[in-house]
Protein backbone atom coordinates (compact mmCIF):
# COMPACT_ATOMS: atom_id res chain seq x y z
CA MET A 1 0.00 0.00 0.00
CA ASN A 2 1.47 3.35 -1.08
CA ASN A 3 0.68 6.86 0.14
CA ILE A 4 -0.28 8.39 -3.19
CA ILE A 5 -2.55 11.43 -3.00
CA ILE A 6 -6.06 10.78 -4.34
CA GLN A 7 -7.88 13.67 -5.99
CA ILE A 8 -11.57 13.33 -6.84
CA TYR A 9 -13.02 15.91 -9.19
CA GLY A 10 -16.51 16.91 -10.25
CA ILE A 11 -17.75 17.47 -6.71
CA ARG A 12 -21.05 19.35 -6.80
CA THR A 13 -22.54 18.72 -3.36
CA LEU A 14 -21.25 18.80 0.18
CA GLU A 15 -22.50 15.25 0.65
CA ASP A 16 -20.38 14.01 -2.25
CA ALA A 17 -17.35 15.88 -0.91
CA ARG A 18 -17.63 14.33 2.54
CA MET A 19 -18.32 10.90 1.07
CA ALA A 20 -15.23 11.08 -1.17
CA VAL A 21 -13.02 12.03 1.78
CA ASP A 22 -14.50 9.26 3.92
CA LEU A 23 -13.58 6.82 1.14
CA GLY A 24 -9.96 7.95 1.02
CA ALA A 25 -9.74 11.09 -1.13
CA ASN A 26 -7.17 13.65 -0.01
CA HIS A 27 -8.12 16.40 -2.47
CA ILE A 28 -11.65 17.31 -3.54
CA GLY A 29 -12.05 19.29 -6.76
CA VAL A 30 -14.84 21.75 -7.55
CA CYS A 31 -15.28 23.63 -10.83
CA TYR A 32 -16.74 27.05 -10.09
CA GLY A 33 -17.06 30.61 -11.35
CA ARG A 34 -19.52 33.45 -11.65
CA ILE A 35 -19.52 33.31 -15.46
CA LYS A 36 -20.69 29.93 -16.75
CA ARG A 37 -18.21 28.39 -19.16
CA VAL A 38 -18.33 24.61 -18.71
CA PRO A 39 -21.01 22.03 -17.79
CA ASN A 40 -21.57 21.29 -14.08
CA GLN A 41 -19.86 24.52 -13.03
CA LEU A 42 -21.00 25.87 -9.65
CA ASP A 43 -21.38 29.44 -8.51
CA PRO A 44 -18.66 30.67 -6.10
CA GLU A 45 -21.22 30.67 -3.28
CA GLU A 46 -22.06 27.01 -3.91
CA ALA A 47 -18.37 26.13 -3.94
CA LYS A 48 -17.90 27.95 -0.63
CA VAL A 49 -20.60 25.79 1.01
CA ILE A 50 -18.64 22.68 -0.01
CA PHE A 51 -15.24 24.08 1.01
CA ASP A 52 -16.57 25.25 4.38
CA GLY A 53 -18.36 21.99 5.14
CA VAL A 54 -15.94 19.29 4.01
CA GLN A 55 -13.68 17.59 6.55
CA PRO A 56 -10.97 20.05 7.69
CA HIS A 57 -8.08 17.82 6.62
CA ALA A 58 -9.25 17.64 3.00
CA VAL A 59 -7.41 19.85 0.52
CA LYS A 60 -9.94 22.02 -1.30
CA ILE A 61 -9.22 22.50 -5.01
CA GLY A 62 -11.09 25.13 -7.03
CA LEU A 63 -10.93 24.85 -10.82
CA THR A 64 -11.31 27.79 -13.16
CA VAL A 65 -11.09 28.01 -16.94
CA ALA A 66 -11.28 31.83 -16.84
CA GLU A 67 -8.36 33.79 -18.25
CA ASP A 68 -9.02 37.20 -16.68
CA ILE A 69 -7.23 37.49 -13.35
CA GLU A 70 -9.66 40.15 -12.07
CA GLU A 71 -12.55 37.77 -12.67
CA ILE A 72 -10.62 34.96 -11.00
CA ALA A 73 -9.78 37.21 -8.04
CA GLU A 74 -13.42 38.19 -7.50
CA ASP A 75 -14.43 34.51 -7.49
CA LEU A 76 -11.58 33.70 -5.09
CA LYS A 77 -12.81 36.31 -2.61
CA ILE A 78 -16.03 34.32 -2.25
CA ALA A 79 -15.04 30.67 -2.56
CA MET A 80 -11.39 30.76 -1.39
CA PRO A 81 -10.13 27.20 -1.99
CA ASP A 82 -6.79 26.01 -0.68
CA VAL A 83 -5.54 25.53 -4.24
CA LEU A 84 -6.53 27.35 -7.43
CA HIS A 85 -6.49 24.97 -10.39
CA LEU A 86 -5.82 26.84 -13.65
CA SER A 87 -7.31 24.61 -16.34
CA GLY A 88 -8.17 26.90 -19.22
CA ASN A 89 -5.91 27.64 -22.17
CA ILE A 90 -2.47 27.45 -20.55
CA GLU A 91 -1.31 30.43 -22.58
CA GLY A 92 -4.29 32.48 -21.39
CA ILE A 93 -2.70 33.19 -18.00
CA SER A 94 1.02 33.87 -17.96
CA PRO A 95 3.37 32.82 -15.14
CA ARG A 96 3.60 36.52 -14.23
CA GLU A 97 -0.18 36.75 -13.86
CA ALA A 98 -0.26 33.56 -11.77
CA ALA A 99 2.38 35.10 -9.52
CA MET A 100 0.22 38.22 -9.19
CA LEU A 101 -2.68 36.09 -7.94
CA LYS A 102 -0.43 34.48 -5.33
CA GLN A 103 0.74 37.90 -4.20
CA ARG A 104 -2.86 39.08 -3.77
CA PHE A 105 -3.87 35.90 -1.93
CA PRO A 106 -0.81 34.87 0.14
CA SER A 107 -2.27 31.61 1.42
CA LEU A 108 -3.31 30.45 -2.06
CA LYS A 109 -1.51 27.65 -3.86
CA ILE A 110 -1.56 27.17 -7.63
CA MET A 111 -2.17 23.95 -9.52
CA GLN A 112 -1.32 24.47 -13.18
CA ALA A 113 -2.81 22.03 -15.65
CA ILE A 114 -0.30 20.72 -18.19
CA PRO A 115 -2.03 19.76 -21.47
CA VAL A 116 -1.01 16.48 -23.10
CA LEU A 117 -2.34 15.95 -26.62
CA ARG A 118 -3.43 12.38 -27.31
CA ASP A 119 -2.39 12.27 -30.94
CA ARG A 120 1.23 13.49 -30.75
CA PRO A 121 4.51 12.20 -29.32
CA ILE A 122 6.26 14.26 -26.68
CA THR A 123 8.60 15.68 -29.31
CA GLY A 124 5.58 17.24 -31.03
CA GLN A 125 4.26 18.94 -27.91
CA LYS A 126 5.22 21.85 -25.65
CA VAL A 127 4.65 20.04 -22.35
CA LEU A 128 8.24 20.24 -21.11
CA ASP A 129 8.44 23.89 -22.13
CA TYR A 130 5.26 24.62 -20.17
CA VAL A 131 6.69 22.87 -17.12
CA LYS A 132 9.82 25.05 -17.23
CA GLU A 133 7.77 28.21 -17.72
CA TYR A 134 5.31 27.60 -14.90
CA GLU A 135 7.25 25.67 -12.25
CA SER A 136 8.37 28.81 -10.40
CA VAL A 137 4.74 29.77 -9.68
CA SER A 138 3.16 26.30 -9.41
CA ASP A 139 2.73 24.31 -6.21
CA PHE A 140 1.31 21.37 -8.19
CA PHE A 141 1.05 20.29 -11.81
CA LEU A 142 -2.05 18.43 -13.01
CA ILE A 143 -1.06 16.44 -16.11
CA ASP A 144 -4.23 15.97 -18.14
CA THR A 145 -5.51 15.06 -21.57
CA LYS A 146 -6.31 17.86 -24.01
CA GLU A 147 -8.21 17.38 -27.20
CA THR A 148 -6.72 19.22 -30.18
CA GLY A 149 -8.70 22.42 -30.68
CA ALA A 150 -10.42 22.34 -27.29
CA PRO A 151 -10.00 25.56 -25.26
CA GLU A 152 -9.83 23.93 -21.84
CA ILE A 153 -7.68 21.13 -20.44
CA GLY A 154 -9.17 17.90 -19.14
CA ALA A 155 -12.68 16.53 -18.48
CA THR A 156 -12.35 14.36 -21.60
CA GLY A 157 -12.45 10.93 -19.95
CA LEU A 158 -9.68 9.96 -22.38
CA VAL A 159 -6.27 8.44 -21.71
CA HIS A 160 -3.02 9.79 -23.15
CA ASP A 161 0.52 8.38 -23.33
CA TRP A 162 1.68 7.82 -19.73
CA THR A 163 5.34 7.84 -20.74
CA ILE A 164 4.88 11.57 -21.34
CA ASP A 165 3.70 11.94 -17.75
CA ARG A 166 6.77 10.05 -16.58
CA ALA A 167 9.04 12.40 -18.55
CA ILE A 168 7.31 15.44 -17.06
CA ILE A 169 7.54 14.07 -13.52
CA GLU A 170 11.23 13.31 -13.92
CA SER A 171 11.89 16.83 -15.26
CA THR A 172 10.57 18.82 -12.29
CA SER A 173 10.52 18.99 -8.51
CA VAL A 174 6.92 20.29 -8.53
CA PRO A 175 4.53 17.56 -7.26
CA CYS A 176 2.63 16.12 -10.21
CA ILE A 177 -0.86 14.64 -10.21
CA ILE A 178 -1.76 12.46 -13.18
CA ALA A 179 -5.20 12.65 -14.80
CA GLY A 180 -7.01 11.83 -18.01
CA GLY A 181 -9.32 8.86 -18.32
CA LEU A 182 -8.12 7.23 -15.12
CA SER A 183 -10.37 4.58 -13.59
CA ALA A 184 -10.18 1.67 -11.19
CA GLU A 185 -9.33 -0.50 -14.20
CA ASN A 186 -6.22 1.39 -15.36
CA VAL A 187 -4.95 3.58 -12.50
CA THR A 188 -2.72 0.89 -10.98
CA LYS A 189 -0.74 0.58 -14.21
CA ALA A 190 -0.68 4.35 -14.74
CA VAL A 191 0.74 4.94 -11.26
CA GLU A 192 3.36 2.23 -11.65
CA ILE A 193 4.53 3.71 -14.96
CA THR A 194 4.55 7.36 -13.93
CA ARG A 195 5.31 7.29 -10.18
CA PRO A 196 3.37 10.49 -9.47
CA TYR A 197 2.60 12.49 -6.36
CA GLY A 198 -1.10 11.89 -6.93
CA ALA A 199 -3.81 10.45 -9.17
CA ASP A 200 -6.99 12.24 -10.21
CA SER A 201 -10.38 10.98 -11.33
CA PHE A 202 -13.39 12.81 -12.69
CA THR A 203 -15.29 11.04 -15.45
CA HIS A 204 -14.79 7.45 -14.35
CA THR A 205 -15.91 8.00 -10.76
CA ASN A 206 -19.25 9.45 -11.86
CA TYR A 207 -22.52 7.55 -11.92
CA ASP A 208 -23.31 5.91 -15.25
CA PHE A 209 -26.69 7.65 -15.29
CA ILE A 210 -27.82 11.07 -14.06
CA GLN A 211 -29.37 10.92 -10.62
CA GLU A 212 -32.80 12.56 -10.48
CA ASN A 213 -33.54 15.52 -8.20
CA THR A 214 -29.95 15.97 -7.05
CA LYS A 215 -26.68 17.56 -8.19
CA SER A 216 -24.81 14.50 -6.98
CA ILE A 217 -22.81 12.79 -9.74
CA LYS A 218 -20.19 10.80 -7.80
CA ASP A 219 -20.56 7.03 -7.44
CA PRO A 220 -19.25 5.83 -4.05
CA ALA A 221 -18.54 2.33 -5.35
CA LYS A 222 -16.38 3.72 -8.16
CA ILE A 223 -14.54 6.08 -5.81
CA ARG A 224 -13.80 3.25 -3.39
CA ALA A 225 -12.52 1.06 -6.21
CA PHE A 226 -10.38 3.89 -7.63
CA VAL A 227 -8.79 4.63 -4.27
CA GLU A 228 -8.00 0.95 -3.66
CA ALA A 229 -6.56 0.46 -7.16
CA ALA A 230 -4.37 3.58 -6.98
CA ARG A 231 -3.02 2.70 -3.55
CA CYS A 232 -2.20 -0.90 -4.41
CA ALA A 233 0.23 0.18 -7.13
CA GLU A 234 3.85 -0.75 -6.44
CA PHE A 235 6.51 1.87 -7.07
């Protein structure tokens, strides 16, 4: 049994957040923002209810795809997660602007998403350049799948080449969390190949069908299986 950090994304209710932590999640991820840009996005006030009510030891991750730091700052004033996850176009917020956010919110940590394209080898991508550019302002990297042409990073449910993750992890001292199509069925192998700080799941820990009359989308059986599979990896 390893001590890998488990990050569960797509949290939309306090009940799901507390359930995920009870089942072994260390980080809970909430997508929020005043301006609606992606499906299942919460208002900052809704995110605050989750962040305030989840178990105190859980690390609260707030995802934004916004690219205007004033907009991000106004949302932060309300929700105030432990970690701001920048998951829009990586070139939409410069390292200098990320540093400005950290200066304005001294307790805030930054998780920068690193986009890995599924259809190209590492030599045809800018992932290692992005790591070098952003590591001075990043407390975590989230290595995730990006579809060619898509504005945001992640939430695809699709796997990319894990040897790229391994190369990124070996190139930096910033803790890296792997993501992109991870499930109970493949996370053990992914962790053993990449040896990351943490493993993230969104799509494959959701219910197969929408639950009626609730915002809940997280399946406790899938979360439990994901946590067990990630932690049984040997590395």
